[in-house]
Amino acid sequence: MPRMIFVNLPVADLDRSKAFYEALGFTNEPRFTDDSGACMVLSDTIFVMILTHEKWKSFTARPIPGKESSEVMLAISCDSRDEVNQKAETAGKSGGIADVNALQDHGFMFSRSFTDLDGHIWEVMWMDPAVASGEAEMPATAG
């Protein structure tokens, strides 16, 4: 069985956050969703658990960071530059902030970032499949 990742995020408004992630192409898994949290599925191996603040606090006593702070940036791959642009723009139109960090374009790799409704930073990126697979060398100017 392949390894899976479950990202857990505290959210202020569960219904708005579900709609935000659905706009980005995540689907809700109702078997793991109730009024305190929702399982949002991106792929067979990537799941985002969005949890009300009350539910989040049942897992940790650590404080929930404010929207202006950053603890982690979550990156997901896309199939094309166009998909990167579409995801970032959709996030901005759905209540997040598009391009919270500077756009990165290295030719063989392209990325943009956005925040969700609660300030969690996401990066969407595309990498030339030949470079990613090792069939082509990474350009000397990269990195």
Protein backbone atom coordinates (compact mmCIF):
# COMPACT_ATOMS: atom_id res chain seq x y z
CA MET A 1 0.00 0.00 0.00
CA PRO A 2 1.42 3.44 -0.88
CA ARG A 3 2.06 5.88 1.94
CA MET A 4 -0.63 8.46 2.44
CA ILE A 5 -0.53 11.94 3.94
CA PHE A 6 -3.25 13.46 6.08
CA VAL A 7 -2.74 17.19 6.54
CA ASN A 8 -4.73 18.53 9.50
CA LEU A 9 -5.66 22.23 9.49
CA PRO A 10 -7.71 24.31 11.94
CA VAL A 11 -10.43 26.38 10.26
CA ALA A 12 -12.72 29.10 11.58
CA ASP A 13 -15.68 28.32 9.32
CA LEU A 14 -16.03 24.67 8.30
CA ASP A 15 -18.68 25.16 5.61
CA ARG A 16 -16.82 28.04 3.90
CA SER A 17 -13.57 26.06 4.05
CA LYS A 18 -15.23 23.00 2.50
CA ALA A 19 -16.49 25.18 -0.36
CA PHE A 20 -13.02 26.74 -0.78
CA TYR A 21 -11.29 23.37 -1.09
CA GLU A 22 -14.02 22.01 -3.37
CA ALA A 23 -13.44 25.00 -5.70
CA LEU A 24 -9.79 23.90 -5.90
CA GLY A 25 -10.75 20.37 -6.97
CA PHE A 26 -10.78 18.56 -3.62
CA THR A 27 -13.73 16.28 -2.95
CA ASN A 28 -15.39 15.75 0.39
CA GLU A 29 -15.32 12.24 1.87
CA PRO A 30 -18.59 12.12 3.83
CA ARG A 31 -17.57 9.00 5.80
CA PHE A 32 -14.97 11.13 7.61
CA THR A 33 -16.95 14.37 7.82
CA ASP A 34 -19.21 15.70 10.52
CA ASP A 35 -20.02 19.06 12.09
CA SER A 36 -16.54 19.28 13.65
CA GLY A 37 -14.38 18.41 10.66
CA ALA A 38 -14.27 17.40 7.02
CA CYS A 39 -12.01 15.11 5.05
CA MET A 40 -11.12 16.77 1.74
CA VAL A 41 -9.53 14.41 -0.77
CA LEU A 42 -7.06 15.52 -3.42
CA SER A 43 -5.89 12.07 -4.58
CA ASP A 44 -5.74 8.45 -3.48
CA THR A 45 -2.88 9.37 -1.14
CA ILE A 46 -3.46 13.03 -0.17
CA PHE A 47 -6.14 14.07 2.32
CA VAL A 48 -6.72 17.38 4.09
CA MET A 49 -8.62 17.24 7.35
CA ILE A 50 -10.15 20.65 8.01
CA LEU A 51 -11.12 20.86 11.67
CA THR A 52 -13.10 23.39 13.67
CA HIS A 53 -11.04 25.16 16.28
CA GLU A 54 -12.80 23.17 19.00
CA LYS A 55 -11.96 19.86 17.31
CA TRP A 56 -8.37 20.99 16.64
CA LYS A 57 -7.92 21.78 20.34
CA SER A 58 -8.82 18.18 21.20
CA PHE A 59 -5.61 17.08 19.40
CA THR A 60 -3.12 19.62 20.77
CA ALA A 61 -2.81 22.23 23.48
CA ARG A 62 -0.58 24.38 21.26
CA PRO A 63 -2.18 27.67 20.19
CA ILE A 64 -3.65 28.12 16.73
CA PRO A 65 -1.46 30.61 14.86
CA GLY A 66 -3.08 33.77 13.53
CA LYS A 67 -3.55 34.42 9.81
CA GLU A 68 -0.47 36.64 9.72
CA SER A 69 1.92 33.88 10.81
CA SER A 70 3.28 30.87 8.91
CA GLU A 71 4.25 27.55 10.37
CA VAL A 72 4.33 25.48 7.21
CA MET A 73 3.87 25.81 3.44
CA LEU A 74 2.13 22.89 1.79
CA ALA A 75 3.10 22.18 -1.82
CA ILE A 76 1.13 20.15 -4.34
CA SER A 77 2.14 19.28 -7.87
CA CYS A 78 0.14 20.14 -10.96
CA ASP A 79 0.18 18.65 -14.46
CA SER A 80 0.89 21.95 -16.24
CA ARG A 81 1.71 25.63 -15.88
CA ASP A 82 -1.90 26.36 -16.84
CA GLU A 83 -3.13 24.24 -13.92
CA VAL A 84 -0.80 26.13 -11.56
CA ASN A 85 -2.27 29.44 -12.76
CA GLN A 86 -5.84 28.12 -12.57
CA LYS A 87 -5.45 26.87 -8.97
CA ALA A 88 -3.84 30.10 -7.73
CA GLU A 89 -6.44 32.27 -9.45
CA THR A 90 -9.32 30.09 -8.21
CA ALA A 91 -7.99 30.37 -4.65
CA GLY A 92 -7.93 34.15 -4.95
CA LYS A 93 -11.47 34.28 -6.35
CA SER A 94 -12.72 31.90 -3.61
CA GLY A 95 -11.66 34.01 -0.63
CA GLY A 96 -7.99 33.14 -0.29
CA ILE A 97 -5.05 35.34 -1.22
CA ALA A 98 -3.33 34.49 -4.51
CA ASP A 99 0.43 35.00 -4.82
CA VAL A 100 1.05 35.53 -1.13
CA ASN A 101 4.68 34.70 -2.02
CA ALA A 102 6.46 35.71 -5.22
CA LEU A 103 5.81 33.64 -8.33
CA GLN A 104 8.76 31.34 -9.12
CA ASP A 105 9.67 30.59 -12.74
CA HIS A 106 12.86 28.61 -13.34
CA GLY A 107 11.86 27.42 -16.81
CA PHE A 108 11.82 23.73 -15.90
CA MET A 109 9.83 24.49 -12.73
CA PHE A 110 7.02 26.98 -12.15
CA SER A 111 5.11 27.74 -8.94
CA ARG A 112 2.64 30.13 -7.37
CA SER A 113 1.28 30.32 -3.86
CA PHE A 114 -1.95 31.20 -2.10
CA THR A 115 -3.52 31.18 1.32
CA ASP A 116 -6.74 29.46 2.22
CA LEU A 117 -9.43 31.26 4.22
CA ASP A 118 -7.50 30.75 7.47
CA GLY A 119 -4.11 31.90 6.20
CA HIS A 120 -2.58 28.46 5.61
CA ILE A 121 -0.06 28.78 2.77
CA TRP A 122 -0.25 26.45 -0.21
CA GLU A 123 2.12 26.30 -3.15
CA VAL A 124 1.06 24.83 -6.48
CA MET A 125 3.92 23.82 -8.72
CA TRP A 126 4.71 22.22 -12.07
CA MET A 127 8.02 20.60 -12.98
CA ASP A 128 9.09 19.46 -16.44
CA PRO A 129 8.39 15.69 -16.36
CA ALA A 130 11.75 14.92 -18.01
CA VAL A 131 13.59 16.79 -15.25
CA ALA A 132 11.41 15.27 -12.51
CA SER A 133 12.02 11.71 -13.78
CA GLY A 134 15.75 12.23 -14.24
CA GLU A 135 15.59 11.77 -18.02
CA ALA A 136 16.84 15.34 -18.47
CA GLU A 137 19.39 17.24 -16.45
CA MET A 138 18.31 20.12 -14.29
CA PRO A 139 19.61 23.36 -15.85
CA ALA A 140 22.89 24.57 -14.32
CA THR A 141 21.34 27.93 -13.49
CA ALA A 142 18.61 26.30 -11.34
CA GLY A 143 18.78 26.09 -7.60
